[in-house]
Amino acid sequence: MTTKAKREYGSGSITWLGPRRARLRVRLPGEAGQRSKVVPTAHRDHGGTGEAKTALEAFTSDLAVADARSKRTVHTVTDTFNAYLEHCERTGSRASTVESYRMVGKRITPALGATPIDALTPRMVDDFYTELGERLAPNTVRITGVSIGAALNQAIKWEWLIVNPFSKATLPAKVKPERTAMTVDDLQRMVDHAYTKDDDP
């Protein structure tokens, strides 16, 4: 069967291979100094020109999205947390708050820190909590998780992220500090100390 003439449609083209078969070709822009790339695919589901054109438009759109994703900036957990830290300094957060965030930044493990934020999962965050819990107190782990979670909430505002995986992970339970009841001897020492203070000139 003789191949039918090619019809151009914007950045793509349709070459008819038979009554119900066509080859769709999309030309993507290349990098600097390189030729553009042609990506072909087969279209066999429908035989009409309208259906083929619709398929070409969908094919072009899918490739454009994939191409944009491959070129987007990758924001890791560490990059995002550092950007959030700078944002806090720039927007006038208290010096003590900024310093506490710096301490949190030092607790981010290499594996978690190098992970792109859009590849992060709640399970990965839970594993991070478990790892921290082996060497830090539960309340310190909680502060760490809340702080990194706040950074990822800011990343959502910056449109770097859609869903915050830290909001779906499980923080360790908050532990109240133990308080030892005062003994009679402790109370007597306090009273004696108070009287001594009163006797001072």
N, C-alpha and C. Protein backbone atom coordinates (compact mmCIF):
# COMPACT_ATOMS: atom_id res chain seq x y z
N MET A 1 0.84 -1.19 0.00
CA MET A 1 0.00 0.00 0.00
C MET A 1 0.89 1.26 0.00
N THR A 2 0.55 2.20 -0.83
CA THR A 2 1.33 3.42 -0.94
C THR A 2 1.05 4.33 0.24
N THR A 3 2.12 4.87 0.83
CA THR A 3 1.97 5.79 1.97
C THR A 3 1.36 7.09 1.50
N LYS A 4 0.35 7.52 2.20
CA LYS A 4 -0.32 8.76 1.82
C LYS A 4 0.50 9.96 2.24
N ALA A 5 0.13 11.11 1.71
CA ALA A 5 0.88 12.34 1.96
C ALA A 5 0.84 12.73 3.44
N LYS A 6 1.88 13.42 3.83
CA LYS A 6 1.99 13.89 5.20
C LYS A 6 1.28 15.22 5.34
N ARG A 7 0.55 15.38 6.46
CA ARG A 7 -0.12 16.63 6.74
C ARG A 7 0.49 17.26 7.99
N GLU A 8 0.80 18.53 7.90
CA GLU A 8 1.45 19.22 9.02
C GLU A 8 0.39 19.83 9.94
N TYR A 9 0.61 19.68 11.24
CA TYR A 9 -0.28 20.29 12.23
C TYR A 9 0.58 20.93 13.31
N GLY A 10 0.93 22.18 13.13
CA GLY A 10 1.72 22.87 14.14
C GLY A 10 3.09 22.25 14.27
N SER A 11 3.45 21.87 15.51
CA SER A 11 4.78 21.31 15.75
C SER A 11 4.83 19.82 15.46
N GLY A 12 3.70 19.22 15.09
CA GLY A 12 3.66 17.79 14.80
C GLY A 12 3.14 17.52 13.41
N SER A 13 3.17 16.27 13.03
CA SER A 13 2.68 15.92 11.70
C SER A 13 2.02 14.54 11.74
N ILE A 14 1.15 14.29 10.78
CA ILE A 14 0.47 13.01 10.64
C ILE A 14 0.80 12.45 9.26
N THR A 15 1.37 11.26 9.23
CA THR A 15 1.65 10.58 7.97
C THR A 15 0.74 9.36 7.90
N TRP A 16 -0.12 9.33 6.88
CA TRP A 16 -1.05 8.21 6.77
C TRP A 16 -0.35 7.01 6.15
N LEU A 17 -0.44 5.88 6.85
CA LEU A 17 0.17 4.64 6.39
C LEU A 17 -0.86 3.71 5.76
N GLY A 18 -2.11 4.05 5.89
CA GLY A 18 -3.21 3.25 5.34
C GLY A 18 -4.52 3.90 5.72
N PRO A 19 -5.65 3.29 5.37
CA PRO A 19 -6.94 3.89 5.67
C PRO A 19 -7.18 4.13 7.17
N ARG A 20 -6.61 3.26 8.02
CA ARG A 20 -6.87 3.38 9.45
C ARG A 20 -5.58 3.40 10.27
N ARG A 21 -4.45 3.71 9.64
CA ARG A 21 -3.18 3.76 10.34
C ARG A 21 -2.45 5.05 10.01
N ALA A 22 -1.88 5.68 11.06
CA ALA A 22 -1.13 6.92 10.85
C ALA A 22 0.05 6.95 11.80
N ARG A 23 1.09 7.65 11.38
CA ARG A 23 2.25 7.87 12.25
C ARG A 23 2.24 9.32 12.70
N LEU A 24 2.24 9.51 14.02
CA LEU A 24 2.26 10.85 14.58
C LEU A 24 3.70 11.19 14.93
N ARG A 25 4.12 12.38 14.57
CA ARG A 25 5.49 12.81 14.86
C ARG A 25 5.45 14.18 15.51
N VAL A 26 6.18 14.32 16.61
CA VAL A 26 6.24 15.59 17.34
C VAL A 26 7.68 16.03 17.43
N ARG A 27 7.94 17.27 17.13
CA ARG A 27 9.29 17.81 17.18
C ARG A 27 9.47 18.61 18.46
N LEU A 28 10.41 18.15 19.28
CA LEU A 28 10.71 18.84 20.54
C LEU A 28 11.94 19.73 20.37
N PRO A 29 11.96 20.90 20.99
CA PRO A 29 13.14 21.76 20.90
C PRO A 29 14.34 21.10 21.57
N GLY A 30 15.50 21.21 20.95
CA GLY A 30 16.71 20.62 21.51
C GLY A 30 17.44 21.59 22.40
N GLU A 31 18.49 21.09 23.03
CA GLU A 31 19.33 21.94 23.86
C GLU A 31 20.15 22.87 22.96
N ALA A 32 20.80 23.83 23.56
CA ALA A 32 21.59 24.78 22.79
C ALA A 32 22.66 24.05 21.97
N GLY A 33 22.72 24.35 20.69
CA GLY A 33 23.72 23.74 19.82
C GLY A 33 23.34 22.37 19.30
N GLN A 34 22.12 21.89 19.67
CA GLN A 34 21.67 20.58 19.21
C GLN A 34 20.44 20.72 18.34
N ARG A 35 20.27 19.75 17.46
CA ARG A 35 19.08 19.75 16.62
C ARG A 35 17.86 19.33 17.45
N SER A 36 16.69 19.73 16.98
CA SER A 36 15.48 19.31 17.66
C SER A 36 15.27 17.81 17.45
N LYS A 37 14.48 17.21 18.34
CA LYS A 37 14.30 15.77 18.33
C LYS A 37 12.90 15.42 17.86
N VAL A 38 12.77 14.43 17.00
CA VAL A 38 11.48 13.98 16.50
C VAL A 38 11.09 12.70 17.24
N VAL A 39 9.91 12.71 17.87
CA VAL A 39 9.43 11.55 18.61
C VAL A 39 8.21 10.99 17.88
N PRO A 40 8.33 9.80 17.28
CA PRO A 40 7.18 9.23 16.55
C PRO A 40 6.36 8.29 17.43
N THR A 41 5.12 8.09 17.09
CA THR A 41 4.27 7.08 17.71
C THR A 41 3.26 6.62 16.68
N ALA A 42 2.65 5.48 16.91
CA ALA A 42 1.66 4.94 15.96
C ALA A 42 0.25 5.26 16.45
N HIS A 43 -0.63 5.53 15.52
CA HIS A 43 -2.03 5.81 15.84
C HIS A 43 -2.88 4.84 15.01
N ARG A 44 -3.53 3.90 15.70
CA ARG A 44 -4.29 2.88 14.97
C ARG A 44 -5.73 2.75 15.46
N ASP A 45 -6.10 3.50 16.48
CA ASP A 45 -7.41 3.28 17.09
C ASP A 45 -8.56 3.84 16.25
N HIS A 46 -8.30 4.90 15.55
CA HIS A 46 -9.37 5.54 14.76
C HIS A 46 -8.84 5.84 13.37
N GLY A 47 -9.75 5.88 12.45
CA GLY A 47 -9.31 6.07 11.08
C GLY A 47 -9.51 7.45 10.52
N GLY A 48 -10.29 8.30 11.21
CA GLY A 48 -10.60 9.59 10.65
C GLY A 48 -9.54 10.64 10.90
N THR A 49 -9.55 11.69 10.05
CA THR A 49 -8.58 12.78 10.19
C THR A 49 -8.76 13.51 11.52
N GLY A 50 -10.02 13.72 11.92
CA GLY A 50 -10.30 14.42 13.18
C GLY A 50 -9.75 13.67 14.38
N GLU A 51 -9.96 12.36 14.39
CA GLU A 51 -9.47 11.54 15.50
C GLU A 51 -7.94 11.54 15.54
N ALA A 52 -7.32 11.46 14.39
CA ALA A 52 -5.86 11.47 14.32
C ALA A 52 -5.31 12.80 14.81
N LYS A 53 -5.96 13.89 14.44
CA LYS A 53 -5.51 15.21 14.87
C LYS A 53 -5.65 15.36 16.39
N THR A 54 -6.77 14.84 16.94
CA THR A 54 -6.96 14.88 18.39
C THR A 54 -5.88 14.07 19.10
N ALA A 55 -5.55 12.91 18.54
CA ALA A 55 -4.51 12.08 19.13
C ALA A 55 -3.16 12.79 19.09
N LEU A 56 -2.89 13.51 18.00
CA LEU A 56 -1.64 14.24 17.87
C LEU A 56 -1.55 15.35 18.91
N GLU A 57 -2.64 16.05 19.13
CA GLU A 57 -2.65 17.14 20.11
C GLU A 57 -2.38 16.59 21.51
N ALA A 58 -3.00 15.43 21.83
CA ALA A 58 -2.78 14.82 23.14
C ALA A 58 -1.34 14.35 23.28
N PHE A 59 -0.80 13.78 22.20
CA PHE A 59 0.57 13.30 22.20
C PHE A 59 1.54 14.46 22.40
N THR A 60 1.30 15.56 21.70
CA THR A 60 2.14 16.75 21.82
C THR A 60 2.10 17.31 23.24
N SER A 61 0.90 17.35 23.83
CA SER A 61 0.74 17.88 25.18
C SER A 61 1.48 17.01 26.20
N ASP A 62 1.33 15.69 26.07
CA ASP A 62 2.00 14.77 27.00
C ASP A 62 3.51 14.93 26.94
N LEU A 63 4.05 15.04 25.73
CA LEU A 63 5.49 15.17 25.58
C LEU A 63 5.99 16.51 26.12
N ALA A 64 5.18 17.56 25.94
CA ALA A 64 5.58 18.87 26.44
C ALA A 64 5.64 18.86 27.97
N VAL A 65 4.66 18.20 28.60
CA VAL A 65 4.65 18.10 30.07
C VAL A 65 5.85 17.31 30.55
N ALA A 66 6.12 16.18 29.89
CA ALA A 66 7.27 15.35 30.28
C ALA A 66 8.58 16.11 30.09
N ASP A 67 8.67 16.89 29.03
CA ASP A 67 9.89 17.65 28.76
C ASP A 67 10.08 18.73 29.83
N ALA A 68 8.99 19.39 30.22
CA ALA A 68 9.07 20.43 31.25
C ALA A 68 9.48 19.83 32.59
N ARG A 69 8.94 18.65 32.90
CA ARG A 69 9.29 18.01 34.16
C ARG A 69 10.76 17.63 34.21
N SER A 70 11.28 17.18 33.09
CA SER A 70 12.68 16.76 33.05
C SER A 70 13.64 17.94 33.23
N LYS A 71 13.16 19.16 32.95
CA LYS A 71 14.02 20.34 33.03
C LYS A 71 13.78 21.18 34.28
N ARG A 72 12.79 20.79 35.10
CA ARG A 72 12.46 21.61 36.25
C ARG A 72 13.56 21.53 37.31
N THR A 73 13.58 22.54 38.14
CA THR A 73 14.55 22.58 39.23
C THR A 73 14.17 21.55 40.28
N VAL A 74 15.14 20.77 40.73
CA VAL A 74 14.90 19.77 41.76
C VAL A 74 15.19 20.40 43.11
N HIS A 75 14.18 20.42 43.99
CA HIS A 75 14.33 20.97 45.33
C HIS A 75 14.43 19.82 46.31
N THR A 76 15.59 19.66 46.93
CA THR A 76 15.75 18.62 47.93
C THR A 76 15.25 19.12 49.28
N VAL A 77 15.18 18.20 50.25
CA VAL A 77 14.74 18.59 51.59
C VAL A 77 15.70 19.62 52.19
N THR A 78 16.99 19.39 52.04
CA THR A 78 17.97 20.34 52.58
C THR A 78 17.88 21.69 51.88
N ASP A 79 17.77 21.69 50.55
CA ASP A 79 17.64 22.95 49.80
C ASP A 79 16.42 23.73 50.27
N THR A 80 15.31 23.01 50.43
CA THR A 80 14.06 23.64 50.82
C THR A 80 14.14 24.21 52.23
N PHE A 81 14.75 23.43 53.14
CA PHE A 81 14.87 23.91 54.52
C PHE A 81 15.77 25.13 54.60
N ASN A 82 16.86 25.13 53.85
CA ASN A 82 17.75 26.30 53.84
C ASN A 82 17.06 27.53 53.26
N ALA A 83 16.26 27.32 52.21
CA ALA A 83 15.51 28.43 51.62
C ALA A 83 14.48 28.97 52.62
N TYR A 84 13.88 28.07 53.37
CA TYR A 84 12.91 28.48 54.40
C TYR A 84 13.60 29.27 55.50
N LEU A 85 14.80 28.84 55.89
CA LEU A 85 15.58 29.54 56.90
C LEU A 85 15.89 30.96 56.45
N GLU A 86 16.30 31.12 55.20
CA GLU A 86 16.57 32.45 54.65
C GLU A 86 15.30 33.29 54.62
N HIS A 87 14.18 32.63 54.29
CA HIS A 87 12.88 33.32 54.25
C HIS A 87 12.52 33.85 55.65
N CYS A 88 12.76 33.03 56.67
CA CYS A 88 12.45 33.45 58.04
C CYS A 88 13.31 34.65 58.45
N GLU A 89 14.58 34.62 58.10
CA GLU A 89 15.47 35.74 58.41
C GLU A 89 15.01 37.00 57.69
N ARG A 90 14.63 36.84 56.43
CA ARG A 90 14.25 37.98 55.60
C ARG A 90 12.93 38.60 56.05
N THR A 91 12.03 37.78 56.60
CA THR A 91 10.72 38.28 56.99
C THR A 91 10.64 38.67 58.46
N GLY A 92 11.81 38.70 59.14
CA GLY A 92 11.86 39.24 60.49
C GLY A 92 11.52 38.28 61.61
N SER A 93 11.75 37.00 61.44
CA SER A 93 11.52 36.06 62.54
C SER A 93 12.51 36.35 63.66
N ARG A 94 12.15 35.97 64.88
CA ARG A 94 13.02 36.20 66.02
C ARG A 94 14.35 35.47 65.84
N ALA A 95 15.39 36.08 66.37
CA ALA A 95 16.72 35.48 66.26
C ALA A 95 16.76 34.11 66.92
N SER A 96 16.03 33.96 68.04
CA SER A 96 16.01 32.67 68.74
C SER A 96 15.32 31.61 67.88
N THR A 97 14.28 32.01 67.15
CA THR A 97 13.58 31.07 66.27
C THR A 97 14.48 30.62 65.13
N VAL A 98 15.17 31.57 64.53
CA VAL A 98 16.09 31.25 63.43
C VAL A 98 17.19 30.32 63.91
N GLU A 99 17.71 30.60 65.11
CA GLU A 99 18.80 29.77 65.65
C GLU A 99 18.30 28.35 65.94
N SER A 100 17.06 28.23 66.42
CA SER A 100 16.51 26.89 66.67
C SER A 100 16.35 26.12 65.36
N TYR A 101 15.99 26.84 64.28
CA TYR A 101 15.89 26.21 62.97
C TYR A 101 17.26 25.74 62.48
N ARG A 102 18.28 26.52 62.79
CA ARG A 102 19.64 26.11 62.39
C ARG A 102 20.02 24.78 63.06
N MET A 103 19.63 24.64 64.32
CA MET A 103 19.91 23.40 65.04
C MET A 103 19.14 22.24 64.41
N VAL A 104 17.91 22.51 64.01
CA VAL A 104 17.10 21.47 63.35
C VAL A 104 17.76 21.05 62.03
N GLY A 105 18.28 22.02 61.29
CA GLY A 105 18.92 21.71 60.01
C GLY A 105 20.07 20.74 60.16
N LYS A 106 20.76 20.79 61.30
CA LYS A 106 21.89 19.89 61.53
C LYS A 106 21.43 18.46 61.81
N ARG A 107 20.15 18.29 62.12
CA ARG A 107 19.63 16.94 62.41
C ARG A 107 19.10 16.23 61.17
N ILE A 108 19.01 16.95 60.06
CA ILE A 108 18.51 16.32 58.83
C ILE A 108 19.57 15.33 58.33
N THR A 109 19.19 14.09 58.23
CA THR A 109 20.14 13.06 57.82
C THR A 109 20.51 13.21 56.35
N PRO A 110 21.69 12.75 55.94
CA PRO A 110 22.10 12.87 54.53
C PRO A 110 21.10 12.27 53.56
N ALA A 111 20.57 11.09 53.91
CA ALA A 111 19.63 10.42 53.00
C ALA A 111 18.36 11.24 52.81
N LEU A 112 17.81 11.75 53.90
CA LEU A 112 16.59 12.55 53.80
C LEU A 112 16.89 13.88 53.14
N GLY A 113 18.02 14.49 53.50
CA GLY A 113 18.36 15.81 52.97
C GLY A 113 18.53 15.83 51.47
N ALA A 114 19.03 14.73 50.89
CA ALA A 114 19.27 14.67 49.44
C ALA A 114 18.03 14.25 48.66
N THR A 115 16.95 13.94 49.34
CA THR A 115 15.73 13.48 48.67
C THR A 115 14.95 14.66 48.09
N PRO A 116 14.55 14.62 46.82
CA PRO A 116 13.68 15.68 46.28
C PRO A 116 12.37 15.71 47.05
N ILE A 117 11.87 16.89 47.35
CA ILE A 117 10.68 16.99 48.18
C ILE A 117 9.46 16.37 47.53
N ASP A 118 9.41 16.35 46.19
CA ASP A 118 8.26 15.75 45.53
C ASP A 118 8.38 14.23 45.42
N ALA A 119 9.50 13.68 45.89
CA ALA A 119 9.67 12.22 45.93
C ALA A 119 9.57 11.70 47.36
N LEU A 120 9.40 12.61 48.31
CA LEU A 120 9.33 12.24 49.72
C LEU A 120 7.97 11.61 50.03
N THR A 121 7.96 10.57 50.86
CA THR A 121 6.72 9.90 51.25
C THR A 121 6.58 9.90 52.77
N PRO A 122 5.34 9.76 53.29
CA PRO A 122 5.16 9.69 54.74
C PRO A 122 5.96 8.55 55.37
N ARG A 123 6.08 7.43 54.67
CA ARG A 123 6.86 6.31 55.22
C ARG A 123 8.33 6.71 55.39
N MET A 124 8.88 7.45 54.45
CA MET A 124 10.26 7.91 54.57
C MET A 124 10.42 8.84 55.77
N VAL A 125 9.41 9.65 56.01
CA VAL A 125 9.45 10.56 57.16
C VAL A 125 9.38 9.75 58.46
N ASP A 126 8.51 8.73 58.51
CA ASP A 126 8.42 7.89 59.70
C ASP A 126 9.75 7.19 59.96
N ASP A 127 10.41 6.72 58.92
CA ASP A 127 11.73 6.09 59.09
C ASP A 127 12.74 7.09 59.63
N PHE A 128 12.63 8.34 59.17
CA PHE A 128 13.50 9.41 59.66
C PHE A 128 13.28 9.63 61.15
N TYR A 129 12.01 9.64 61.59
CA TYR A 129 11.70 9.79 63.01
C TYR A 129 12.29 8.63 63.82
N THR A 130 12.18 7.43 63.29
CA THR A 130 12.71 6.26 63.99
C THR A 130 14.22 6.37 64.16
N GLU A 131 14.89 6.80 63.09
CA GLU A 131 16.35 6.96 63.15
C GLU A 131 16.75 8.02 64.17
N LEU A 132 16.04 9.15 64.17
CA LEU A 132 16.35 10.20 65.14
C LEU A 132 16.07 9.73 66.56
N GLY A 133 15.00 8.95 66.72
CA GLY A 133 14.61 8.49 68.05
C GLY A 133 15.62 7.58 68.72
N GLU A 134 16.54 7.04 67.93
CA GLU A 134 17.58 6.18 68.50
C GLU A 134 18.66 6.97 69.21
N ARG A 135 18.71 8.29 68.97
CA ARG A 135 19.75 9.10 69.60
C ARG A 135 19.26 10.41 70.19
N LEU A 136 17.99 10.73 69.97
CA LEU A 136 17.45 11.98 70.50
C LEU A 136 16.18 11.73 71.31
N ALA A 137 15.88 12.65 72.21
CA ALA A 137 14.66 12.54 73.01
C ALA A 137 13.42 12.73 72.13
N PRO A 138 12.29 12.11 72.51
CA PRO A 138 11.06 12.22 71.71
C PRO A 138 10.64 13.66 71.43
N ASN A 139 10.75 14.53 72.44
CA ASN A 139 10.35 15.92 72.24
C ASN A 139 11.25 16.63 71.24
N THR A 140 12.52 16.27 71.20
CA THR A 140 13.44 16.85 70.22
C THR A 140 13.09 16.38 68.82
N VAL A 141 12.70 15.11 68.69
CA VAL A 141 12.27 14.58 67.40
C VAL A 141 11.01 15.30 66.93
N ARG A 142 10.10 15.55 67.86
CA ARG A 142 8.87 16.27 67.51
C ARG A 142 9.17 17.67 66.99
N ILE A 143 10.04 18.39 67.70
CA ILE A 143 10.40 19.75 67.28
C ILE A 143 11.03 19.72 65.88
N THR A 144 11.87 18.71 65.65
CA THR A 144 12.52 18.58 64.35
C THR A 144 11.49 18.36 63.25
N GLY A 145 10.55 17.44 63.48
CA GLY A 145 9.53 17.15 62.48
C GLY A 145 8.62 18.33 62.20
N VAL A 146 8.22 19.03 63.25
CA VAL A 146 7.34 20.20 63.08
C VAL A 146 8.05 21.30 62.30
N SER A 147 9.33 21.48 62.57
CA SER A 147 10.10 22.54 61.90
C SER A 147 10.28 22.23 60.41
N ILE A 148 10.66 20.99 60.09
CA ILE A 148 10.82 20.63 58.67
C ILE A 148 9.47 20.67 57.97
N GLY A 149 8.42 20.24 58.68
CA GLY A 149 7.07 20.30 58.11
C GLY A 149 6.66 21.72 57.77
N ALA A 150 7.06 22.69 58.63
CA ALA A 150 6.76 24.09 58.36
C ALA A 150 7.47 24.57 57.10
N ALA A 151 8.71 24.08 56.90
CA ALA A 151 9.45 24.45 55.69
C ALA A 151 8.75 23.92 54.45
N LEU A 152 8.22 22.70 54.52
CA LEU A 152 7.53 22.14 53.36
C LEU A 152 6.17 22.80 53.14
N ASN A 153 5.54 23.28 54.20
CA ASN A 153 4.31 24.07 54.02
C ASN A 153 4.61 25.35 53.23
N GLN A 154 5.77 25.95 53.54
CA GLN A 154 6.17 27.13 52.77
C GLN A 154 6.46 26.76 51.32
N ALA A 155 7.04 25.57 51.11
CA ALA A 155 7.31 25.11 49.74
C ALA A 155 6.02 24.98 48.94
N ILE A 156 4.93 24.61 49.62
CA ILE A 156 3.63 24.53 48.95
C ILE A 156 3.20 25.93 48.51
N LYS A 157 3.42 26.92 49.37
CA LYS A 157 3.08 28.31 49.01
C LYS A 157 3.92 28.79 47.83
N TRP A 158 5.16 28.30 47.76
CA TRP A 158 6.03 28.65 46.64
C TRP A 158 5.74 27.83 45.39
N GLU A 159 4.79 26.91 45.51
CA GLU A 159 4.39 26.02 44.40
C GLU A 159 5.53 25.08 44.00
N TRP A 160 6.34 24.69 44.97
CA TRP A 160 7.37 23.68 44.76
C TRP A 160 6.83 22.29 45.06
N LEU A 161 5.72 22.24 45.77
CA LEU A 161 5.18 20.98 46.28
C LEU A 161 3.67 21.06 46.33
N ILE A 162 3.01 19.91 46.21
CA ILE A 162 1.54 19.89 46.25
C ILE A 162 1.04 19.42 47.61
N VAL A 163 1.59 18.31 48.11
CA VAL A 163 1.16 17.73 49.38
C VAL A 163 2.38 17.60 50.30
N ASN A 164 2.20 17.95 51.56
CA ASN A 164 3.28 17.87 52.54
C ASN A 164 3.29 16.49 53.19
N PRO A 165 4.29 15.64 52.90
CA PRO A 165 4.32 14.30 53.49
C PRO A 165 4.53 14.31 54.99
N PHE A 166 5.09 15.38 55.55
CA PHE A 166 5.28 15.45 57.00
C PHE A 166 3.94 15.54 57.72
N SER A 167 2.92 16.08 57.04
CA SER A 167 1.60 16.20 57.67
C SER A 167 0.91 14.84 57.77
N LYS A 168 1.38 13.85 57.00
CA LYS A 168 0.77 12.53 57.02
C LYS A 168 1.59 11.51 57.81
N ALA A 169 2.78 11.92 58.24
CA ALA A 169 3.63 11.02 59.04
C ALA A 169 3.21 11.10 60.51
N THR A 170 3.74 10.18 61.31
CA THR A 170 3.35 10.08 62.72
C THR A 170 4.48 10.56 63.62
N LEU A 171 4.25 11.68 64.28
CA LEU A 171 5.23 12.20 65.23
C LEU A 171 5.25 11.34 66.49
N PRO A 172 6.41 11.22 67.15
CA PRO A 172 6.43 10.49 68.42
C PRO A 172 5.59 11.22 69.46
N ALA A 173 5.07 10.46 70.42
CA ALA A 173 4.23 11.06 71.45
C ALA A 173 5.01 12.07 72.27
N LYS A 174 4.33 13.12 72.67
CA LYS A 174 4.96 14.14 73.49
C LYS A 174 5.17 13.61 74.90
N VAL A 175 6.36 13.78 75.42
CA VAL A 175 6.69 13.27 76.76
C VAL A 175 6.76 14.44 77.73
N LYS A 176 5.97 14.35 78.82
CA LYS A 176 6.01 15.39 79.85
C LYS A 176 7.19 15.15 80.77
N PRO A 177 7.93 16.18 81.12
CA PRO A 177 9.07 15.99 82.02
C PRO A 177 8.60 15.51 83.39
N GLU A 178 9.33 14.58 83.94
CA GLU A 178 8.97 14.04 85.25
C GLU A 178 9.27 15.06 86.35
N ARG A 179 8.33 15.18 87.25
CA ARG A 179 8.51 16.10 88.38
C ARG A 179 8.54 15.28 89.67
N THR A 180 9.60 15.44 90.43
CA THR A 180 9.75 14.71 91.68
C THR A 180 9.12 15.51 92.82
N ALA A 181 8.27 14.85 93.58
CA ALA A 181 7.61 15.52 94.70
C ALA A 181 8.64 15.89 95.77
N MET A 182 8.42 17.05 96.38
CA MET A 182 9.35 17.51 97.41
C MET A 182 9.19 16.67 98.67
N THR A 183 10.30 16.34 99.28
CA THR A 183 10.27 15.62 100.55
C THR A 183 10.16 16.62 101.70
N VAL A 184 9.90 16.09 102.90
CA VAL A 184 9.81 16.95 104.08
C VAL A 184 11.14 17.67 104.32
N ASP A 185 12.24 16.95 104.10
CA ASP A 185 13.56 17.56 104.29
C ASP A 185 13.79 18.70 103.30
N ASP A 186 13.34 18.51 102.03
CA ASP A 186 13.49 19.58 101.03
C ASP A 186 12.71 20.82 101.46
N LEU A 187 11.48 20.57 101.96
CA LEU A 187 10.63 21.68 102.38
C LEU A 187 11.27 22.41 103.57
N GLN A 188 11.84 21.65 104.50
CA GLN A 188 12.46 22.26 105.67
C GLN A 188 13.66 23.11 105.27
N ARG A 189 14.42 22.63 104.28
CA ARG A 189 15.59 23.40 103.81
C ARG A 189 15.15 24.70 103.18
N MET A 190 14.03 24.67 102.44
CA MET A 190 13.52 25.90 101.83
C MET A 190 13.10 26.91 102.90
N VAL A 191 12.44 26.41 103.96
CA VAL A 191 11.99 27.30 105.04
C VAL A 191 13.19 27.90 105.76
N ASP A 192 14.20 27.04 106.05
CA ASP A 192 15.39 27.53 106.73
C ASP A 192 16.11 28.57 105.88
N HIS A 193 16.14 28.34 104.55
CA HIS A 193 16.81 29.29 103.66
C HIS A 193 16.08 30.62 103.64
N ALA A 194 14.74 30.54 103.68
CA ALA A 194 13.94 31.77 103.68
C ALA A 194 14.19 32.58 104.94
N TYR A 195 14.24 31.90 106.07
CA TYR A 195 14.51 32.61 107.33
C TYR A 195 15.90 33.22 107.32
N THR A 196 16.85 32.50 106.77
CA THR A 196 18.22 33.01 106.69
C THR A 196 18.28 34.27 105.85
N LYS A 197 17.53 34.29 104.73
CA LYS A 197 17.48 35.46 103.86
C LYS A 197 16.89 36.65 104.60
N ASP A 198 15.82 36.37 105.43
CA ASP A 198 15.16 37.44 106.16
C ASP A 198 16.09 38.03 107.22
N ASP A 199 17.00 37.22 107.77
CA ASP A 199 17.90 37.70 108.81
C ASP A 199 19.06 38.51 108.26
N ASP A 200 19.29 38.41 106.94
CA ASP A 200 20.41 39.16 106.34
C ASP A 200 20.13 40.65 106.42
N PRO A 201 21.13 41.47 106.73
CA PRO A 201 20.91 42.94 106.80
C PRO A 201 20.66 43.50 105.42
